[in-house]
Protein backbone atom coordinates (compact mmCIF):
# COMPACT_ATOMS: atom_id res chain seq x y z
CA MET A 1 -0.19 264.63 97.93
CA THR A 2 -2.51 263.64 100.75
CA THR A 3 -5.71 261.67 100.55
CA GLY A 4 -8.35 260.69 103.04
CA HIS A 5 -11.05 262.34 105.13
CA ILE A 6 -11.89 266.00 104.65
CA ASP A 7 -12.01 268.09 107.83
CA ALA A 8 -15.73 268.00 108.57
CA ALA A 9 -15.41 270.37 111.54
CA THR A 10 -14.16 273.24 109.39
CA LEU A 11 -16.75 272.49 106.72
CA ASP A 12 -19.45 272.51 109.38
CA GLU A 13 -18.49 276.04 110.41
CA ASP A 14 -18.59 277.28 106.81
CA PHE A 15 -21.88 275.49 106.16
CA ALA A 16 -23.40 276.99 109.31
CA ALA A 17 -22.44 280.49 108.13
CA VAL A 18 -24.27 279.93 104.83
CA SER A 19 -27.26 278.51 106.71
CA GLU A 20 -27.35 281.50 109.00
CA MET A 21 -27.26 283.93 106.10
CA PHE A 22 -29.75 282.32 103.71
CA GLY A 23 -31.56 279.73 105.77
CA THR A 24 -32.87 281.14 109.05
CA ASP A 25 -34.70 278.79 111.44
CA ILE A 26 -38.06 278.91 109.68
CA ARG A 27 -39.54 275.41 109.81
CA ASP A 28 -42.61 275.77 107.63
CA PRO A 29 -42.68 278.45 104.93
CA HIS A 30 -44.94 276.17 102.90
CA SER A 31 -48.10 277.07 104.81
CA LEU A 32 -47.41 280.73 103.99
CA TYR A 33 -46.74 279.93 100.34
CA ARG A 34 -50.02 278.01 100.19
CA GLU A 35 -51.91 281.11 101.33
CA TYR A 36 -50.23 283.25 98.67
CA ARG A 37 -50.89 280.72 95.91
CA GLN A 38 -54.57 280.94 96.70
CA ALA A 39 -55.02 284.61 97.57
CA GLN A 40 -52.16 286.52 95.94
CA PRO A 41 -50.22 284.39 93.44
CA VAL A 42 -48.42 287.48 92.11
CA MET A 43 -47.33 289.66 95.01
CA GLU A 44 -45.78 293.09 94.77
CA GLY A 45 -42.67 292.98 96.92
CA ASP A 46 -40.10 290.30 97.72
CA ILE A 47 -41.29 287.68 100.20
CA LEU A 48 -37.68 287.05 101.21
CA ALA A 49 -37.55 290.54 102.73
CA ARG A 50 -40.22 289.31 105.16
CA PHE A 51 -37.79 286.58 106.23
CA ASN A 52 -34.87 289.07 106.34
CA VAL A 53 -32.96 286.87 103.89
CA PRO A 54 -30.81 288.17 100.98
CA SER A 55 -32.50 287.77 97.62
CA GLN A 56 -31.15 287.30 94.11
CA ALA A 57 -33.88 289.67 92.94
CA ASP A 58 -32.23 292.64 94.68
CA TYR A 59 -28.85 291.29 95.72
CA SER A 60 -27.12 294.65 96.07
CA ASN A 61 -30.00 296.34 97.93
CA LEU A 62 -30.54 298.78 95.05
CA GLY A 63 -34.17 299.33 95.93
CA ARG A 64 -35.31 297.69 92.70
CA GLN A 65 -39.03 297.01 92.42
CA VAL A 66 -39.66 293.30 93.01
CA PHE A 67 -42.63 291.00 92.46
CA THR A 68 -42.90 287.47 93.91
CA LEU A 69 -44.52 284.64 91.93
CA PHE A 70 -45.87 281.57 93.74
CA LYS A 71 -47.66 279.45 91.11
CA TYR A 72 -46.00 276.67 89.12
CA GLN A 73 -47.29 277.67 85.68
CA ASP A 74 -46.29 281.31 86.18
CA VAL A 75 -42.79 280.45 87.39
CA LEU A 76 -42.29 277.94 84.57
CA ALA A 77 -43.50 280.40 81.92
CA VAL A 78 -41.05 283.06 83.14
CA LEU A 79 -38.13 280.62 83.19
CA ARG A 80 -38.88 279.44 79.65
CA ASP A 81 -39.14 282.96 78.18
CA SER A 82 -35.58 284.26 78.27
CA LYS A 83 -36.39 287.12 75.89
CA THR A 84 -39.06 288.73 78.05
CA PHE A 85 -37.48 287.77 81.36
CA THR A 86 -33.70 288.04 81.38
CA SER A 87 -31.30 286.56 83.91
CA THR A 88 -28.45 289.07 83.64
CA LEU A 89 -29.32 290.51 87.07
CA LEU A 90 -27.76 287.32 88.50
CA ASN A 91 -24.39 288.88 87.66
CA GLU A 92 -25.05 291.33 90.49
CA GLY A 93 -25.07 288.35 92.85
CA LEU A 94 -22.94 285.26 92.55
CA GLY A 95 -21.89 286.31 89.05
CA GLN A 96 -19.93 289.33 90.27
CA PHE A 97 -17.50 286.99 92.05
CA LEU A 98 -17.15 284.90 88.90
CA GLY A 99 -16.03 287.56 86.47
CA GLY A 100 -19.47 287.79 84.86
CA PHE A 101 -18.96 284.26 83.56
CA LEU A 102 -22.02 282.81 85.32
CA LEU A 103 -23.83 280.58 82.82
CA THR A 104 -27.30 281.32 84.15
CA GLY A 105 -26.58 285.06 83.92
CA MET A 106 -25.30 285.13 80.32
CA GLU A 107 -27.13 286.76 77.43
CA ASP A 108 -28.74 284.24 75.07
CA GLY A 109 -26.11 284.35 72.28
CA ARG A 110 -23.13 283.94 74.58
CA HIS A 111 -25.00 281.39 76.64
CA LYS A 112 -25.83 279.26 73.60
CA GLU A 113 -22.19 279.32 72.46
CA ILE A 114 -20.84 278.12 75.80
CA ARG A 115 -23.60 275.55 76.31
CA SER A 116 -22.76 274.00 72.93
CA LEU A 117 -19.17 273.57 74.03
CA LEU A 118 -20.30 272.09 77.35
CA ALA A 119 -22.78 269.63 75.84
CA PRO A 120 -20.41 266.63 75.53
CA ALA A 121 -19.33 267.05 79.15
CA PHE A 122 -22.95 266.63 80.30
CA SER A 123 -24.00 263.98 77.79
CA PRO A 124 -25.57 260.67 78.94
CA ARG A 125 -22.20 259.00 78.31
CA ALA A 126 -20.36 261.50 80.51
CA ILE A 127 -22.94 261.19 83.29
CA GLN A 128 -22.60 257.41 83.20
CA GLU A 129 -18.85 257.87 83.58
CA TRP A 130 -19.48 260.06 86.62
CA LYS A 131 -21.62 257.33 88.15
CA LEU A 132 -18.80 254.86 87.74
CA MET A 133 -16.44 257.36 89.40
CA LEU A 134 -18.68 258.26 92.32
CA GLY A 135 -20.01 254.87 93.35
CA PRO A 136 -16.70 253.72 94.87
CA VAL A 137 -16.12 257.13 96.50
CA ALA A 138 -19.50 256.95 98.27
CA GLN A 139 -19.02 253.32 99.25
CA GLU A 140 -15.60 254.06 100.73
CA ALA A 141 -16.98 256.89 102.88
CA VAL A 142 -19.93 254.87 104.17
CA THR A 143 -17.79 251.78 104.78
CA ALA A 144 -15.53 253.87 107.02
CA LEU A 145 -18.55 254.74 109.19
CA ARG A 146 -20.04 251.26 109.25
CA PRO A 147 -18.25 249.78 112.31
CA VAL A 148 -19.36 252.69 114.51
CA GLY A 149 -23.07 251.83 114.28
CA ARG A 150 -24.28 255.41 114.63
CA ALA A 151 -23.63 258.84 113.13
CA GLU A 152 -24.79 262.41 112.83
CA LEU A 153 -24.96 262.22 109.07
CA VAL A 154 -24.82 265.91 108.17
CA ALA A 155 -21.43 266.47 109.80
CA ASP A 156 -20.06 262.96 109.32
CA LEU A 157 -21.09 262.36 105.70
CA LEU A 158 -23.38 264.87 103.98
CA LEU A 159 -20.92 267.75 104.26
CA PRO A 160 -17.53 266.16 103.47
CA LEU A 161 -18.63 263.51 100.96
CA PRO A 162 -20.18 265.81 98.30
CA VAL A 163 -17.00 267.90 98.40
CA ARG A 164 -14.92 264.83 97.60
CA MET A 165 -17.39 263.86 94.88
CA ILE A 166 -17.53 267.22 93.12
CA TYR A 167 -13.75 267.43 92.97
CA GLU A 168 -13.66 263.90 91.59
CA ILE A 169 -16.08 264.95 88.83
CA MET A 170 -14.06 268.08 88.12
CA GLY A 171 -10.81 266.12 87.88
CA PHE A 172 -8.90 267.89 90.66
CA PRO A 173 -5.88 266.20 92.27
CA ARG A 174 -6.84 263.96 95.19
CA ASP A 175 -5.24 266.26 97.71
CA THR A 176 -7.37 266.51 100.84
CA GLU A 177 -5.80 269.72 102.13
CA GLN A 178 -6.33 271.43 98.79
CA MET A 179 -9.93 270.21 98.57
CA GLN A 180 -10.56 271.52 102.07
CA ALA A 181 -9.15 274.93 101.14
CA PHE A 182 -11.17 275.06 97.92
CA ALA A 183 -14.38 274.11 99.73
CA ALA A 184 -13.83 276.81 102.36
CA ARG A 185 -13.30 279.47 99.69
CA ALA A 186 -16.40 278.36 97.81
CA MET A 187 -18.50 278.71 100.96
CA LYS A 188 -17.08 282.20 101.61
CA ILE A 189 -18.30 283.29 98.17
CA LEU A 190 -21.82 282.24 99.10
CA VAL A 191 -21.89 284.41 102.24
CA GLY A 192 -20.89 287.57 100.38
CA PRO A 193 -24.40 289.07 100.52
CA GLN A 194 -25.61 290.56 103.78
CA ARG A 195 -28.66 292.66 104.57
CA ASP A 196 -26.60 294.84 106.91
CA PRO A 197 -24.51 297.27 104.77
CA GLU A 198 -21.46 297.22 107.06
CA LYS A 199 -21.41 293.43 107.31
CA MET A 200 -21.87 293.24 103.56
CA ARG A 201 -18.83 295.43 102.89
CA LEU A 202 -16.59 293.16 104.94
CA SER A 203 -18.06 289.89 103.66
CA MET A 204 -17.81 291.07 100.05
CA GLU A 205 -14.08 291.71 100.49
CA VAL A 206 -13.65 288.18 101.83
CA ALA A 207 -15.78 286.73 99.01
CA PHE A 208 -13.82 288.50 96.26
CA GLN A 209 -10.53 287.37 97.76
CA ALA A 210 -11.78 283.79 97.98
CA ALA A 211 -12.94 283.95 94.34
CA ARG A 212 -9.54 285.22 93.17
CA GLU A 213 -7.71 282.48 95.05
CA LEU A 214 -10.09 279.87 93.70
CA TYR A 215 -9.47 281.11 90.15
CA ASP A 216 -5.67 281.20 90.47
CA GLU A 217 -5.34 277.71 91.91
CA THR A 218 -7.86 276.21 89.49
CA LEU A 219 -6.00 277.81 86.57
CA ASP A 220 -2.79 276.10 87.71
CA ILE A 221 -4.60 272.74 87.68
CA VAL A 222 -6.09 273.36 84.22
CA ARG A 223 -2.71 274.33 82.77
CA ALA A 224 -1.06 271.26 84.27
CA ARG A 225 -3.78 269.03 82.83
CA ARG A 226 -3.40 270.54 79.37
CA ALA A 227 0.36 270.05 79.51
CA ALA A 228 -0.22 266.40 80.49
CA GLY A 229 -2.29 265.73 77.37
CA SER A 230 -5.92 266.68 78.07
CA GLU A 231 -6.93 263.10 78.89
CA GLY A 232 -9.63 261.91 81.27
CA SER A 233 -13.40 261.50 81.53
CA ASP A 234 -13.71 264.15 84.23
CA LEU A 235 -15.07 267.64 83.52
CA ILE A 236 -11.67 269.30 83.02
CA GLY A 237 -10.72 266.57 80.54
CA TYR A 238 -13.90 267.10 78.55
CA LEU A 239 -13.52 270.88 78.52
CA LEU A 240 -9.90 270.70 77.37
CA ARG A 241 -11.08 268.67 74.38
CA ALA A 242 -14.27 270.68 73.71
CA ASN A 243 -14.65 271.76 70.09
CA ASP A 244 -17.77 273.14 68.45
CA LYS A 245 -17.23 273.97 64.77
CA GLY A 246 -13.63 274.92 65.46
CA ARG A 247 -14.42 276.96 68.60
CA THR A 248 -12.48 275.72 71.62
CA LEU A 249 -12.08 276.88 75.21
CA ASP A 250 -8.88 278.49 76.45
CA ASP A 251 -7.47 277.84 79.92
CA GLY A 252 -9.07 280.97 81.39
CA GLU A 253 -12.55 280.04 80.13
CA ILE A 254 -12.23 276.49 81.45
CA THR A 255 -11.15 277.88 84.81
CA GLU A 256 -14.17 280.22 84.90
CA LEU A 257 -16.52 277.36 84.07
CA ILE A 258 -15.05 275.06 86.70
CA ARG A 259 -15.04 277.77 89.36
CA GLN A 260 -18.72 278.57 88.97
CA PHE A 261 -19.74 275.01 89.83
CA LEU A 262 -17.79 274.95 93.10
CA PRO A 263 -19.75 277.35 95.40
CA ALA A 264 -23.12 275.62 95.06
CA ALA A 265 -22.44 272.09 93.83
CA ALA A 266 -21.53 270.44 97.14
CA GLU A 267 -23.59 272.78 99.31
CA THR A 268 -26.79 272.22 97.32
CA THR A 269 -26.26 268.46 97.32
CA THR A 270 -25.90 268.45 101.11
CA ARG A 271 -29.21 270.22 101.66
CA SER A 272 -31.17 268.39 98.96
CA PHE A 273 -29.93 265.00 100.03
CA GLY A 274 -30.46 265.77 103.70
CA SER A 275 -34.11 266.66 103.20
CA MET A 276 -34.69 263.62 100.99
CA LEU A 277 -33.04 261.36 103.56
CA VAL A 278 -35.23 262.76 106.35
CA ALA A 279 -38.30 261.94 104.24
CA LEU A 280 -37.11 258.34 103.80
CA LEU A 281 -36.10 257.80 107.41
CA GLU A 282 -39.48 259.06 108.59
CA ARG A 283 -41.14 256.48 106.30
CA PRO A 284 -39.53 253.13 107.19
CA ALA A 285 -41.76 251.12 104.84
CA LEU A 286 -40.71 253.30 101.89
CA LEU A 287 -37.08 253.09 102.97
CA GLN A 288 -37.28 249.30 102.96
CA ARG A 289 -39.00 249.31 99.56
CA VAL A 290 -36.17 251.37 98.06
CA ARG A 291 -33.53 249.24 99.77
CA ASP A 292 -35.07 246.17 98.13
CA ASP A 293 -35.41 247.77 94.69
CA ARG A 294 -32.51 250.07 93.82
CA ASN A 295 -34.17 250.96 90.51
CA LEU A 296 -36.32 253.28 92.61
CA VAL A 297 -33.33 255.40 93.67
CA PRO A 298 -33.62 257.90 90.77
CA LYS A 299 -37.34 258.36 91.54
CA VAL A 300 -36.54 259.04 95.19
CA VAL A 301 -33.98 261.67 94.21
CA SER A 302 -36.41 263.34 91.79
CA GLU A 303 -39.18 263.47 94.38
CA GLY A 304 -36.77 264.77 97.00
CA MET A 305 -35.76 267.64 94.73
CA ARG A 306 -39.44 268.53 94.27
CA TRP A 307 -40.65 267.98 97.82
CA GLU A 308 -38.05 270.17 99.51
CA THR A 309 -36.20 272.27 96.97
CA ALA A 310 -32.78 273.16 98.41
CA SER A 311 -32.79 276.65 96.88
CA GLN A 312 -36.32 277.94 97.24
CA PHE A 313 -36.10 281.03 95.01
CA LEU A 314 -34.81 281.99 91.57
CA ALA A 315 -34.73 285.47 90.01
CA ARG A 316 -35.37 287.09 86.65
CA GLN A 317 -35.87 290.66 85.38
CA ALA A 318 -38.60 291.95 83.08
CA ALA A 319 -37.13 293.29 79.84
CA VAL A 320 -40.44 294.90 78.82
CA ASP A 321 -43.72 295.86 80.47
CA VAL A 322 -45.70 292.67 81.11
CA GLU A 323 -48.83 291.56 82.93
CA ILE A 324 -49.18 288.34 84.93
CA ARG A 325 -52.59 287.38 86.37
CA GLY A 326 -53.76 290.95 86.03
CA VAL A 327 -50.73 292.42 87.83
CA LYS A 328 -48.76 294.92 85.76
CA ILE A 329 -45.00 294.48 85.99
CA PRO A 330 -42.92 297.32 84.51
CA ALA A 331 -39.73 296.84 82.51
CA GLY A 332 -36.75 296.68 84.83
CA ALA A 333 -38.62 295.15 87.73
CA ALA A 334 -37.27 291.93 89.20
CA LEU A 335 -39.21 288.73 89.71
CA SER A 336 -38.53 286.59 92.76
CA LEU A 337 -39.65 283.14 91.63
CA ALA A 338 -40.73 280.97 94.54
CA SER A 339 -39.70 277.61 93.11
CA GLY A 340 -40.21 275.95 96.49
CA SER A 341 -43.83 277.10 96.40
CA ALA A 342 -44.28 276.20 92.73
CA ASN A 343 -43.07 272.65 93.34
CA ARG A 344 -45.94 272.23 95.82
CA ASP A 345 -48.67 273.81 93.70
CA GLU A 346 -51.94 271.94 94.27
CA GLU A 347 -53.02 272.51 90.67
CA ILE A 348 -50.01 270.55 89.41
CA PHE A 349 -49.16 268.05 92.15
CA GLU A 350 -51.81 265.96 93.87
CA ASN A 351 -51.28 265.97 97.65
CA PRO A 352 -48.19 268.15 97.12
CA ASP A 353 -47.00 268.03 100.74
CA GLU A 354 -46.71 264.24 100.60
CA PHE A 355 -43.42 262.57 99.72
CA ASP A 356 -44.64 260.30 96.93
CA ILE A 357 -42.08 258.68 94.63
CA ASP A 358 -44.84 257.23 92.43
CA ARG A 359 -46.37 260.55 91.42
CA PRO A 360 -46.30 261.51 87.69
CA GLN A 361 -43.08 263.28 86.78
CA ARG A 362 -43.24 267.00 86.03
CA VAL A 363 -40.58 269.55 85.21
CA ASN A 364 -38.78 270.26 88.48
CA ILE A 365 -38.14 273.99 88.46
CA GLY A 366 -35.91 274.08 91.52
CA PHE A 367 -32.89 274.24 89.18
CA GLY A 368 -34.54 276.52 86.62
CA ALA A 369 -35.99 275.52 83.27
CA GLY A 370 -35.68 276.28 79.59
CA ALA A 371 -32.43 277.54 78.11
CA HIS A 372 -30.99 278.45 81.52
CA LEU A 373 -31.61 275.13 83.25
CA CYS A 374 -28.78 274.77 85.77
CA LEU A 375 -26.24 272.16 84.67
CA GLY A 376 -25.42 271.64 88.33
CA MET A 377 -28.65 269.65 88.62
CA GLN A 378 -27.01 266.75 86.79
CA ILE A 379 -24.05 266.88 89.14
CA ALA A 380 -26.26 267.00 92.24
CA ARG A 381 -28.50 264.17 91.00
CA THR A 382 -25.52 261.90 90.25
CA GLU A 383 -23.97 262.60 93.66
CA MET A 384 -27.24 261.95 95.48
CA GLU A 385 -27.89 258.64 93.74
CA ALA A 386 -24.40 257.41 94.65
CA MET A 387 -24.78 258.52 98.27
CA LEU A 388 -28.21 256.94 98.69
CA ASN A 389 -27.12 253.61 97.22
CA ALA A 390 -24.18 253.50 99.63
CA LEU A 391 -26.29 254.36 102.68
CA LEU A 392 -28.92 251.76 101.80
CA ASP A 393 -26.25 249.10 102.33
CA LEU A 394 -26.13 249.92 106.06
CA PRO A 395 -28.21 247.20 107.78
CA ASP A 396 -31.45 248.49 109.29
CA LEU A 397 -30.52 252.17 108.91
CA ARG A 398 -32.97 254.18 111.03
CA LEU A 399 -33.36 257.36 113.06
CA ASP A 400 -31.64 257.28 116.44
CA PRO A 401 -34.47 257.00 119.02
CA ASP A 402 -32.22 258.53 121.70
CA ALA A 403 -31.39 261.69 119.72
CA PRO A 404 -33.49 264.71 118.71
CA PRO A 405 -35.48 264.06 115.51
CA PRO A 406 -34.29 265.92 112.41
CA THR A 407 -36.01 269.14 111.39
CA ILE A 408 -35.87 270.80 107.98
CA VAL A 409 -35.46 274.56 108.29
CA GLY A 410 -34.77 277.61 106.15
CA ALA A 411 -36.29 280.12 103.78
CA GLN A 412 -34.05 280.74 100.75
CA LEU A 413 -32.01 277.60 101.49
CA ARG A 414 -33.68 274.63 103.19
CA GLY A 415 -32.37 271.47 104.74
CA PRO A 416 -31.75 269.70 108.06
CA ARG A 417 -28.97 270.86 110.34
CA ALA A 418 -28.49 267.37 111.83
CA ILE A 419 -29.66 263.79 111.17
CA HIS A 420 -28.88 261.29 113.95
CA VAL A 421 -29.06 257.67 112.82
CA VAL A 422 -28.14 254.17 113.98
CA TRP A 423 -27.77 250.84 112.17
CA ASN A 424 -27.03 247.25 113.09
């Protein structure tokens, strides 16, 4: 078994491929979203096609009719009504690599059954146990950087550290080479979709192979853990012990559940945390305030998730004919839900483009809402709080005046590509 630093160079290549596919170099989609919120809050067509970015609403390029929603109340209403607006079309996207076992793409009955079994693993007690696990991991990584006095944080910390953290939460062996291989496969699943048919054929083959390998190796770990006695406060330990009215999870189901968290968990954390960190570094007074009062860390993370949602779009499908703001949407049509736009809706958030940790809390729809709220949000939030607390211990952490300032870019996925910092 080997432990230590994950190969950030390889991760950087995989991360760049995902950024190229879903992100693009768009710096400010928010001005465009603002125009649509005011003039055309329900648009026929998929705005992501304008950016030439793959969309969950028509992942397989089937030519399905798509409508884009930009307003907070509309997006929230769709997410909360799982009868009228189903999420099974997500199985055409990421779900197809996960054996149709994607939680957010399950029908209500099946989804409720699995969520009940998962509940103890995401309880306040379990999350507190994660915090106790992750604090030392984050501190160790930041302490290793401390003597250097400067870093490019995306490559040096924000890519490798969330990978270590997610595998700690899952309960995987602390084997750096294995974690590196798992992370690479998870990234390859994310770049399966392509707008070019020929590129998509090749990338889909790679994605399916990566998903199979991820399943097989995770299954070996789950079986070994069960044979060892199903102990532990990590996610695998909880799932091995899960029991809801006599219903338990077999090794295959546990493997499917674990696998589905791996493609997005670390990647989403990297982008979300990167954008939030840029906001803090560009506001030195706020950074100092948070450094002096660590009770503000959860508020910073919440505002960061609202201010620059890592994944800017969600998708649902109309089960029946409906009408939203006078626009008729036929049964079978897909809805591309602009959560990044909704989280900056002027009717809901005062001065929405400002990074304001003191604003009243609202439902953050970047991770969905209602019955299909993404459980990965709890993982990402816990990782981000641990990372921020560790970085705040660096004396006088600030942007490097001799390096290019960070820029947040992307359409479907948003985040900074680099953050150059120095400290005393």
